[in-house]
Amino acid sequence: MQVNPKEVAEELLTPQAYKCFNALMVKESHWKDHQNPTSSASGVGQLLKGTYKNLGMKKGESRVSQTVAALSYISRKYGSGGACKAWEHHKKFNWY
């Protein structure tokens, strides 16, 4: 049985936070695991290698582990504003 990263995020977030997180992941990667050709960003959340290290994580191969890493990063960076604050930042600066 394969776990769907969208379903994991939906279980962990409020409906509004999930809506923002989904918009962010669609914009960043369309929920796909790929390497950014212009930086070290990769995975569903397009996190940098250094971001994984700062989180005390390594980039996992599964989209679920990458989703958890993106949620961890957003929680640390945006606190109680969470995914919606990250999405607002992305809309202004094209990165989160």
PDB file of N, CA and C in Angstrom:
ATOM      1  N   MET A   1       0.838  -1.179   0.000  1.00  0.00           N
ATOM      2  CA  MET A   1       0.000   0.000   0.000  1.00  0.00           C
ATOM      3  C   MET A   1       0.885   1.245   0.000  1.00  0.00           C
ATOM      4  N   GLN A   2       0.623   2.140  -0.895  1.00  0.00           N
ATOM      5  CA  GLN A   2       1.404   3.365  -0.992  1.00  0.00           C
ATOM      6  C   GLN A   2       0.649   4.513  -0.307  1.00  0.00           C
ATOM      7  N   VAL A   3       1.360   5.286   0.492  1.00  0.00           N
ATOM      8  CA  VAL A   3       0.764   6.404   1.213  1.00  0.00           C
ATOM      9  C   VAL A   3       0.808   7.640   0.324  1.00  0.00           C
ATOM     10  N   ASN A   4      -0.287   8.361   0.289  1.00  0.00           N
ATOM     11  CA  ASN A   4      -0.404   9.567  -0.521  1.00  0.00           C
ATOM     12  C   ASN A   4       0.030  10.777   0.316  1.00  0.00           C
ATOM     13  N   PRO A   5       1.032  11.544  -0.132  1.00  0.00           N
ATOM     14  CA  PRO A   5       1.508  12.680   0.661  1.00  0.00           C
ATOM     15  C   PRO A   5       0.435  13.755   0.867  1.00  0.00           C
ATOM     16  N   LYS A   6      -0.459  13.910  -0.081  1.00  0.00           N
ATOM     17  CA  LYS A   6      -1.538  14.885   0.075  1.00  0.00           C
ATOM     18  C   LYS A   6      -2.460  14.490   1.218  1.00  0.00           C
ATOM     19  N   GLU A   7      -2.748  13.205   1.321  1.00  0.00           N
ATOM     20  CA  GLU A   7      -3.612  12.717   2.395  1.00  0.00           C
ATOM     21  C   GLU A   7      -2.946  12.893   3.755  1.00  0.00           C
ATOM     22  N   VAL A   8      -1.633  12.678   3.822  1.00  0.00           N
ATOM     23  CA  VAL A   8      -0.904  12.879   5.080  1.00  0.00           C
ATOM     24  C   VAL A   8      -1.002  14.344   5.500  1.00  0.00           C
ATOM     25  N   ALA A   9      -0.735  15.249   4.572  1.00  0.00           N
ATOM     26  CA  ALA A   9      -0.814  16.683   4.890  1.00  0.00           C
ATOM     27  C   ALA A   9      -2.222  17.071   5.301  1.00  0.00           C
ATOM     28  N   GLU A  10      -3.207  16.529   4.618  1.00  0.00           N
ATOM     29  CA  GLU A  10      -4.602  16.858   4.930  1.00  0.00           C
ATOM     30  C   GLU A  10      -4.977  16.389   6.335  1.00  0.00           C
ATOM     31  N   GLU A  11      -4.425  15.245   6.758  1.00  0.00           N
ATOM     32  CA  GLU A  11      -4.680  14.742   8.116  1.00  0.00           C
ATOM     33  C   GLU A  11      -4.011  15.610   9.185  1.00  0.00           C
ATOM     34  N   LEU A  12      -2.857  16.174   8.855  1.00  0.00           N
ATOM     35  CA  LEU A  12      -2.085  16.938   9.832  1.00  0.00           C
ATOM     36  C   LEU A  12      -2.505  18.399   9.963  1.00  0.00           C
ATOM     37  N   LEU A  13      -3.174  18.931   8.962  1.00  0.00           N
ATOM     38  CA  LEU A  13      -3.482  20.358   8.913  1.00  0.00           C
ATOM     39  C   LEU A  13      -4.985  20.624   9.010  1.00  0.00           C
ATOM     40  N   THR A  14      -5.315  21.846   9.411  1.00  0.00           N
ATOM     41  CA  THR A  14      -6.712  22.269   9.348  1.00  0.00           C
ATOM     42  C   THR A  14      -7.105  22.397   7.882  1.00  0.00           C
ATOM     43  N   PRO A  15      -8.387  22.418   7.574  1.00  0.00           N
ATOM     44  CA  PRO A  15      -8.787  22.568   6.172  1.00  0.00           C
ATOM     45  C   PRO A  15      -8.209  23.819   5.506  1.00  0.00           C
ATOM     46  N   GLN A  16      -8.197  24.945   6.200  1.00  0.00           N
ATOM     47  CA  GLN A  16      -7.647  26.174   5.607  1.00  0.00           C
ATOM     48  C   GLN A  16      -6.139  26.068   5.417  1.00  0.00           C
ATOM     49  N   ALA A  17      -5.448  25.535   6.403  1.00  0.00           N
ATOM     50  CA  ALA A  17      -3.995  25.372   6.280  1.00  0.00           C
ATOM     51  C   ALA A  17      -3.659  24.403   5.152  1.00  0.00           C
ATOM     52  N   TYR A  18      -4.448  23.337   5.014  1.00  0.00           N
ATOM     53  CA  TYR A  18      -4.204  22.398   3.919  1.00  0.00           C
ATOM     54  C   TYR A  18      -4.402  23.084   2.567  1.00  0.00           C
ATOM     55  N   LYS A  19      -5.413  23.907   2.459  1.00  0.00           N
ATOM     56  CA  LYS A  19      -5.662  24.626   1.201  1.00  0.00           C
ATOM     57  C   LYS A  19      -4.441  25.464   0.824  1.00  0.00           C
ATOM     58  N   CYS A  20      -3.870  26.165   1.796  1.00  0.00           N
ATOM     59  CA  CYS A  20      -2.675  26.980   1.552  1.00  0.00           C
ATOM     60  C   CYS A  20      -1.472  26.099   1.226  1.00  0.00           C
ATOM     61  N   PHE A  21      -1.296  25.020   1.994  1.00  0.00           N
ATOM     62  CA  PHE A  21      -0.159  24.128   1.776  1.00  0.00           C
ATOM     63  C   PHE A  21      -0.249  23.474   0.400  1.00  0.00           C
ATOM     64  N   ASN A  22      -1.427  23.039   0.026  1.00  0.00           N
ATOM     65  CA  ASN A  22      -1.611  22.427  -1.280  1.00  0.00           C
ATOM     66  C   ASN A  22      -1.271  23.427  -2.392  1.00  0.00           C
ATOM     67  N   ALA A  23      -1.741  24.659  -2.272  1.00  0.00           N
ATOM     68  CA  ALA A  23      -1.431  25.682  -3.281  1.00  0.00           C
ATOM     69  C   ALA A  23       0.079  25.880  -3.385  1.00  0.00           C
ATOM     70  N   LEU A  24       0.749  25.891  -2.242  1.00  0.00           N
ATOM     71  CA  LEU A  24       2.194  26.072  -2.208  1.00  0.00           C
ATOM     72  C   LEU A  24       2.927  24.902  -2.869  1.00  0.00           C
ATOM     73  N   MET A  25       2.520  23.681  -2.554  1.00  0.00           N
ATOM     74  CA  MET A  25       3.176  22.504  -3.131  1.00  0.00           C
ATOM     75  C   MET A  25       2.888  22.392  -4.631  1.00  0.00           C
ATOM     76  N   VAL A  26       1.695  22.759  -5.055  1.00  0.00           N
ATOM     77  CA  VAL A  26       1.392  22.751  -6.487  1.00  0.00           C
ATOM     78  C   VAL A  26       2.293  23.750  -7.197  1.00  0.00           C
ATOM     79  N   LYS A  27       2.434  24.930  -6.630  1.00  0.00           N
ATOM     80  CA  LYS A  27       3.271  25.963  -7.247  1.00  0.00           C
ATOM     81  C   LYS A  27       4.743  25.550  -7.264  1.00  0.00           C
ATOM     82  N   GLU A  28       5.211  24.956  -6.181  1.00  0.00           N
ATOM     83  CA  GLU A  28       6.615  24.579  -6.074  1.00  0.00           C
ATOM     84  C   GLU A  28       6.974  23.369  -6.938  1.00  0.00           C
ATOM     85  N   SER A  29       6.139  22.322  -6.899  1.00  0.00           N
ATOM     86  CA  SER A  29       6.561  21.060  -7.529  1.00  0.00           C
ATOM     87  C   SER A  29       5.434  20.248  -8.168  1.00  0.00           C
ATOM     88  N   HIS A  30       4.232  20.710  -8.072  1.00  0.00           N
ATOM     89  CA  HIS A  30       3.075  19.906  -8.505  1.00  0.00           C
ATOM     90  C   HIS A  30       3.056  18.566  -7.775  1.00  0.00           C
ATOM     91  N   TRP A  31       3.554  18.573  -6.510  1.00  0.00           N
ATOM     92  CA  TRP A  31       3.613  17.389  -5.657  1.00  0.00           C
ATOM     93  C   TRP A  31       4.525  16.299  -6.239  1.00  0.00           C
ATOM     94  N   LYS A  32       5.484  16.688  -7.060  1.00  0.00           N
ATOM     95  CA  LYS A  32       6.401  15.712  -7.657  1.00  0.00           C
ATOM     96  C   LYS A  32       7.794  15.866  -7.035  1.00  0.00           C
ATOM     97  N   ASP A  33       8.512  14.780  -6.997  1.00  0.00           N
ATOM     98  CA  ASP A  33       9.887  14.772  -6.502  1.00  0.00           C
ATOM     99  C   ASP A  33      10.810  15.052  -7.685  1.00  0.00           C
ATOM    100  N   HIS A  34      11.310  16.277  -7.742  1.00  0.00           N
ATOM    101  CA  HIS A  34      12.265  16.580  -8.808  1.00  0.00           C
ATOM    102  C   HIS A  34      13.310  17.577  -8.314  1.00  0.00           C
ATOM    103  N   GLN A  35      14.385  17.640  -9.030  1.00  0.00           N
ATOM    104  CA  GLN A  35      15.502  18.535  -8.725  1.00  0.00           C
ATOM    105  C   GLN A  35      15.312  19.849  -9.456  1.00  0.00           C
ATOM    106  N   ASN A  36      15.513  20.958  -8.770  1.00  0.00           N
ATOM    107  CA  ASN A  36      15.487  22.267  -9.409  1.00  0.00           C
ATOM    108  C   ASN A  36      16.788  22.408 -10.203  1.00  0.00           C
ATOM    109  N   PRO A  37      16.698  22.737 -11.482  1.00  0.00           N
ATOM    110  CA  PRO A  37      17.922  22.803 -12.299  1.00  0.00           C
ATOM    111  C   PRO A  37      18.814  24.004 -11.983  1.00  0.00           C
ATOM    112  N   THR A  38      18.312  24.976 -11.234  1.00  0.00           N
ATOM    113  CA  THR A  38      19.107  26.178 -10.969  1.00  0.00           C
ATOM    114  C   THR A  38      19.574  26.305  -9.514  1.00  0.00           C
ATOM    115  N   SER A  39      19.274  25.297  -8.670  1.00  0.00           N
ATOM    116  CA  SER A  39      19.718  25.358  -7.274  1.00  0.00           C
ATOM    117  C   SER A  39      19.786  23.944  -6.702  1.00  0.00           C
ATOM    118  N   SER A  40      20.070  23.844  -5.417  1.00  0.00           N
ATOM    119  CA  SER A  40      20.088  22.529  -4.772  1.00  0.00           C
ATOM    120  C   SER A  40      18.708  22.152  -4.246  1.00  0.00           C
ATOM    121  N   ALA A  41      17.690  22.944  -4.554  1.00  0.00           N
ATOM    122  CA  ALA A  41      16.330  22.624  -4.108  1.00  0.00           C
ATOM    123  C   ALA A  41      15.831  21.373  -4.805  1.00  0.00           C
ATOM    124  N   SER A  42      15.130  20.539  -4.040  1.00  0.00           N
ATOM    125  CA  SER A  42      14.595  19.314  -4.617  1.00  0.00           C
ATOM    126  C   SER A  42      13.417  18.821  -3.806  1.00  0.00           C
ATOM    127  N   GLY A  43      12.727  17.858  -4.375  1.00  0.00           N
ATOM    128  CA  GLY A  43      11.627  17.216  -3.682  1.00  0.00           C
ATOM    129  C   GLY A  43      10.318  17.976  -3.785  1.00  0.00           C
ATOM    130  N   VAL A  44       9.317  17.431  -3.136  1.00  0.00           N
ATOM    131  CA  VAL A  44       7.976  18.000  -3.145  1.00  0.00           C
ATOM    132  C   VAL A  44       7.980  19.445  -2.668  1.00  0.00           C
ATOM    133  N   GLY A  45       8.686  19.723  -1.586  1.00  0.00           N
ATOM    134  CA  GLY A  45       8.721  21.074  -1.016  1.00  0.00           C
ATOM    135  C   GLY A  45       9.817  21.958  -1.576  1.00  0.00           C
ATOM    136  N   GLN A  46      10.619  21.413  -2.495  1.00  0.00           N
ATOM    137  CA  GLN A  46      11.735  22.150  -3.091  1.00  0.00           C
ATOM    138  C   GLN A  46      12.628  22.779  -2.017  1.00  0.00           C
ATOM    139  N   LEU A  47      12.956  21.982  -1.007  1.00  0.00           N
ATOM    140  CA  LEU A  47      13.847  22.440   0.052  1.00  0.00           C
ATOM    141  C   LEU A  47      15.299  22.333  -0.395  1.00  0.00           C
ATOM    142  N   LEU A  48      16.118  23.247   0.085  1.00  0.00           N
ATOM    143  CA  LEU A  48      17.546  23.230  -0.200  1.00  0.00           C
ATOM    144  C   LEU A  48      18.241  22.164   0.634  1.00  0.00           C
ATOM    145  N   LYS A  49      19.388  21.687   0.167  1.00  0.00           N
ATOM    146  CA  LYS A  49      20.167  20.706   0.935  1.00  0.00           C
ATOM    147  C   LYS A  49      20.437  21.215   2.348  1.00  0.00           C
ATOM    148  N   GLY A  50      20.799  22.501   2.456  1.00  0.00           N
ATOM    149  CA  GLY A  50      21.093  23.086   3.760  1.00  0.00           C
ATOM    150  C   GLY A  50      19.873  23.153   4.664  1.00  0.00           C
ATOM    151  N   THR A  51      18.697  23.271   4.080  1.00  0.00           N
ATOM    152  CA  THR A  51      17.463  23.309   4.870  1.00  0.00           C
ATOM    153  C   THR A  51      17.221  21.962   5.527  1.00  0.00           C
ATOM    154  N   TYR A  52      17.411  20.889   4.767  1.00  0.00           N
ATOM    155  CA  TYR A  52      17.272  19.556   5.359  1.00  0.00           C
ATOM    156  C   TYR A  52      18.246  19.401   6.521  1.00  0.00           C
ATOM    157  N   LYS A  53      19.472  19.832   6.313  1.00  0.00           N
ATOM    158  CA  LYS A  53      20.488  19.719   7.361  1.00  0.00           C
ATOM    159  C   LYS A  53      20.093  20.527   8.594  1.00  0.00           C
ATOM    160  N   ASN A  54      19.618  21.763   8.386  1.00  0.00           N
ATOM    161  CA  ASN A  54      19.203  22.603   9.510  1.00  0.00           C
ATOM    162  C   ASN A  54      18.010  22.024  10.266  1.00  0.00           C
ATOM    163  N   LEU A  55      17.186  21.264   9.570  1.00  0.00           N
ATOM    164  CA  LEU A  55      16.057  20.602  10.217  1.00  0.00           C
ATOM    165  C   LEU A  55      16.477  19.326  10.934  1.00  0.00           C
ATOM    166  N   GLY A  56      17.744  18.913  10.738  1.00  0.00           N
ATOM    167  CA  GLY A  56      18.210  17.655  11.308  1.00  0.00           C
ATOM    168  C   GLY A  56      17.671  16.455  10.548  1.00  0.00           C
ATOM    169  N   MET A  57      17.407  16.661   9.266  1.00  0.00           N
ATOM    170  CA  MET A  57      16.835  15.620   8.423  1.00  0.00           C
ATOM    171  C   MET A  57      17.715  15.404   7.204  1.00  0.00           C
ATOM    172  N   LYS A  58      17.501  14.280   6.548  1.00  0.00           N
ATOM    173  CA  LYS A  58      18.099  14.091   5.233  1.00  0.00           C
ATOM    174  C   LYS A  58      16.941  13.942   4.257  1.00  0.00           C
ATOM    175  N   LYS A  59      17.189  14.300   3.011  1.00  0.00           N
ATOM    176  CA  LYS A  59      16.123  14.214   2.023  1.00  0.00           C
ATOM    177  C   LYS A  59      15.752  12.754   1.827  1.00  0.00           C
ATOM    178  N   GLY A  60      14.527  12.450   2.124  1.00  0.00           N
ATOM    179  CA  GLY A  60      14.037  11.101   1.920  1.00  0.00           C
ATOM    180  C   GLY A  60      13.651  10.886   0.465  1.00  0.00           C
ATOM    181  N   GLU A  61      13.584   9.643   0.096  1.00  0.00           N
ATOM    182  CA  GLU A  61      13.203   9.305  -1.271  1.00  0.00           C
ATOM    183  C   GLU A  61      11.699   9.404  -1.486  1.00  0.00           C
ATOM    184  N   SER A  62      10.926   9.231  -0.427  1.00  0.00           N
ATOM    185  CA  SER A  62       9.476   9.232  -0.593  1.00  0.00           C
ATOM    186  C   SER A  62       8.915  10.658  -0.550  1.00  0.00           C
ATOM    187  N   ARG A  63       7.851  10.852  -1.293  1.00  0.00           N
ATOM    188  CA  ARG A  63       7.190  12.157  -1.287  1.00  0.00           C
ATOM    189  C   ARG A  63       6.552  12.439   0.078  1.00  0.00           C
ATOM    190  N   VAL A  64       6.208  11.394   0.821  1.00  0.00           N
ATOM    191  CA  VAL A  64       5.657  11.587   2.164  1.00  0.00           C
ATOM    192  C   VAL A  64       6.713  12.189   3.084  1.00  0.00           C
ATOM    193  N   SER A  65       7.923  11.636   3.075  1.00  0.00           N
ATOM    194  CA  SER A  65       8.980  12.188   3.950  1.00  0.00           C
ATOM    195  C   SER A  65       9.342  13.608   3.520  1.00  0.00           C
ATOM    196  N   GLN A  66       9.310  13.881   2.234  1.00  0.00           N
ATOM    197  CA  GLN A  66       9.577  15.241   1.751  1.00  0.00           C
ATOM    198  C   GLN A  66       8.472  16.198   2.182  1.00  0.00           C
ATOM    199  N   THR A  67       7.239  15.723   2.220  1.00  0.00           N
ATOM    200  CA  THR A  67       6.116  16.541   2.677  1.00  0.00           C
ATOM    201  C   THR A  67       6.259  16.854   4.158  1.00  0.00           C
ATOM    202  N   VAL A  68       6.633  15.860   4.946  1.00  0.00           N
ATOM    203  CA  VAL A  68       6.857  16.070   6.381  1.00  0.00           C
ATOM    204  C   VAL A  68       7.976  17.085   6.593  1.00  0.00           C
ATOM    205  N   ALA A  69       9.034  17.001   5.805  1.00  0.00           N
ATOM    206  CA  ALA A  69      10.133  17.966   5.911  1.00  0.00           C
ATOM    207  C   ALA A  69       9.644  19.382   5.574  1.00  0.00           C
ATOM    208  N   ALA A  70       8.843  19.514   4.527  1.00  0.00           N
ATOM    209  CA  ALA A  70       8.312  20.832   4.163  1.00  0.00           C
ATOM    210  C   ALA A  70       7.425  21.377   5.271  1.00  0.00           C
ATOM    211  N   LEU A  71       6.597  20.531   5.857  1.00  0.00           N
ATOM    212  CA  LEU A  71       5.745  20.970   6.976  1.00  0.00           C
ATOM    213  C   LEU A  71       6.588  21.377   8.184  1.00  0.00           C
ATOM    214  N   SER A  72       7.658  20.649   8.448  1.00  0.00           N
ATOM    215  CA  SER A  72       8.557  20.992   9.560  1.00  0.00           C
ATOM    216  C   SER A  72       9.218  22.340   9.320  1.00  0.00           C
ATOM    217  N   TYR A  73       9.695  22.545   8.103  1.00  0.00           N
ATOM    218  CA  TYR A  73      10.324  23.817   7.749  1.00  0.00           C
ATOM    219  C   TYR A  73       9.336  24.972   7.921  1.00  0.00           C
ATOM    220  N   ILE A  74       8.140  24.806   7.408  1.00  0.00           N
ATOM    221  CA  ILE A  74       7.125  25.864   7.503  1.00  0.00           C
ATOM    222  C   ILE A  74       6.790  26.152   8.955  1.00  0.00           C
ATOM    223  N   SER A  75       6.667  25.117   9.755  1.00  0.00           N
ATOM    224  CA  SER A  75       6.366  25.306  11.172  1.00  0.00           C
ATOM    225  C   SER A  75       7.457  26.106  11.876  1.00  0.00           C
ATOM    226  N   ARG A  76       8.709  25.780  11.599  1.00  0.00           N
ATOM    227  CA  ARG A  76       9.819  26.521  12.216  1.00  0.00           C
ATOM    228  C   ARG A  76       9.907  27.955  11.726  1.00  0.00           C
ATOM    229  N   LYS A  77       9.732  28.151  10.442  1.00  0.00           N
ATOM    230  CA  LYS A  77       9.912  29.485   9.863  1.00  0.00           C
ATOM    231  C   LYS A  77       8.722  30.408  10.101  1.00  0.00           C
ATOM    232  N   TYR A  78       7.512  29.877  10.007  1.00  0.00           N
ATOM    233  CA  TYR A  78       6.323  30.727  10.038  1.00  0.00           C
ATOM    234  C   TYR A  78       5.477  30.573  11.296  1.00  0.00           C
ATOM    235  N   GLY A  79       5.881  29.697  12.203  1.00  0.00           N
ATOM    236  CA  GLY A  79       5.196  29.553  13.477  1.00  0.00           C
ATOM    237  C   GLY A  79       3.701  29.344  13.338  1.00  0.00           C
ATOM    238  N   SER A  80       2.935  30.074  14.129  1.00  0.00           N
ATOM    239  CA  SER A  80       1.488  29.875  14.146  1.00  0.00           C
ATOM    240  C   SER A  80       0.818  30.306  12.841  1.00  0.00           C
ATOM    241  N   GLY A  81       1.509  31.117  12.023  1.00  0.00           N
ATOM    242  CA  GLY A  81       0.962  31.501  10.726  1.00  0.00           C
ATOM    243  C   GLY A  81       0.967  30.348   9.742  1.00  0.00           C
ATOM    244  N   GLY A  82       1.868  29.396   9.971  1.00  0.00           N
ATOM    245  CA  GLY A  82       1.931  28.162   9.223  1.00  0.00           C
ATOM    246  C   GLY A  82       1.893  28.288   7.716  1.00  0.00           C
ATOM    247  N   ALA A  83       1.194  27.338   7.129  1.00  0.00           N
ATOM    248  CA  ALA A  83       1.166  27.202   5.675  1.00  0.00           C
ATOM    249  C   ALA A  83       0.573  28.425   4.982  1.00  0.00           C
ATOM    250  N   CYS A  84      -0.404  29.069   5.601  1.00  0.00           N
ATOM    251  CA  CYS A  84      -1.010  30.235   4.946  1.00  0.00           C
ATOM    252  C   CYS A  84      -0.049  31.420   4.929  1.00  0.00           C
ATOM    253  N   LYS A  85       0.720  31.575   5.987  1.00  0.00           N
ATOM    254  CA  LYS A  85       1.729  32.631   5.981  1.00  0.00           C
ATOM    255  C   LYS A  85       2.821  32.325   4.945  1.00  0.00           C
ATOM    256  N   ALA A  86       3.207  31.059   4.843  1.00  0.00           N
ATOM    257  CA  ALA A  86       4.202  30.646   3.837  1.00  0.00           C
ATOM    258  C   ALA A  86       3.660  30.898   2.431  1.00  0.00           C
ATOM    259  N   TRP A  87       2.392  30.599   2.195  1.00  0.00           N
ATOM    260  CA  TRP A  87       1.782  30.804   0.884  1.00  0.00           C
ATOM    261  C   TRP A  87       1.722  32.293   0.555  1.00  0.00           C
ATOM    262  N   GLU A  88       1.361  33.129   1.523  1.00  0.00           N
ATOM    263  CA  GLU A  88       1.335  34.583   1.296  1.00  0.00           C
ATOM    264  C   GLU A  88       2.729  35.097   0.943  1.00  0.00           C
ATOM    265  N   HIS A  89       3.743  34.609   1.654  1.00  0.00           N
ATOM    266  CA  HIS A  89       5.123  34.995   1.365  1.00  0.00           C
ATOM    267  C   HIS A  89       5.505  34.572  -0.053  1.00  0.00           C
ATOM    268  N   HIS A  90       5.139  33.358  -0.427  1.00  0.00           N
ATOM    269  CA  HIS A  90       5.463  32.856  -1.761  1.00  0.00           C
ATOM    270  C   HIS A  90       4.816  33.717  -2.848  1.00  0.00           C
ATOM    271  N   LYS A  91       3.583  34.128  -2.624  1.00  0.00           N
ATOM    272  CA  LYS A  91       2.896  34.943  -3.630  1.00  0.00           C
ATOM    273  C   LYS A  91       3.588  36.297  -3.826  1.00  0.00           C
ATOM    274  N   LYS A  92       4.210  36.813  -2.780  1.00  0.00           N
ATOM    275  CA  LYS A  92       4.914  38.098  -2.873  1.00  0.00           C
ATOM    276  C   LYS A  92       6.318  37.960  -3.448  1.00  0.00           C
ATOM    277  N   PHE A  93       7.034  36.900  -3.044  1.00  0.00           N
ATOM    278  CA  PHE A  93       8.465  36.792  -3.362  1.00  0.00           C
ATOM    279  C   PHE A  93       8.836  35.604  -4.252  1.00  0.00           C
ATOM    280  N   ASN A  94       7.894  34.746  -4.565  1.00  0.00           N
ATOM    281  CA  ASN A  94       8.110  33.555  -5.383  1.00  0.00           C
ATOM    282  C   ASN A  94       9.043  32.533  -4.727  1.00  0.00           C
ATOM    283  N   TRP A  95       9.072  32.538  -3.424  1.00  0.00           N
ATOM    284  CA  TRP A  95       9.774  31.525  -2.632  1.00  0.00           C
ATOM    285  C   TRP A  95       9.182  31.568  -1.227  1.00  0.00           C
ATOM    286  N   TYR A  96       9.396  30.537  -0.478  1.00  0.00           N
ATOM    287  CA  TYR A  96       8.902  30.510   0.913  1.00  0.00           C
ATOM    288  C   TYR A  96      10.004  30.103   1.850  1.00  0.00           C
TER     289      TYR A  96
END
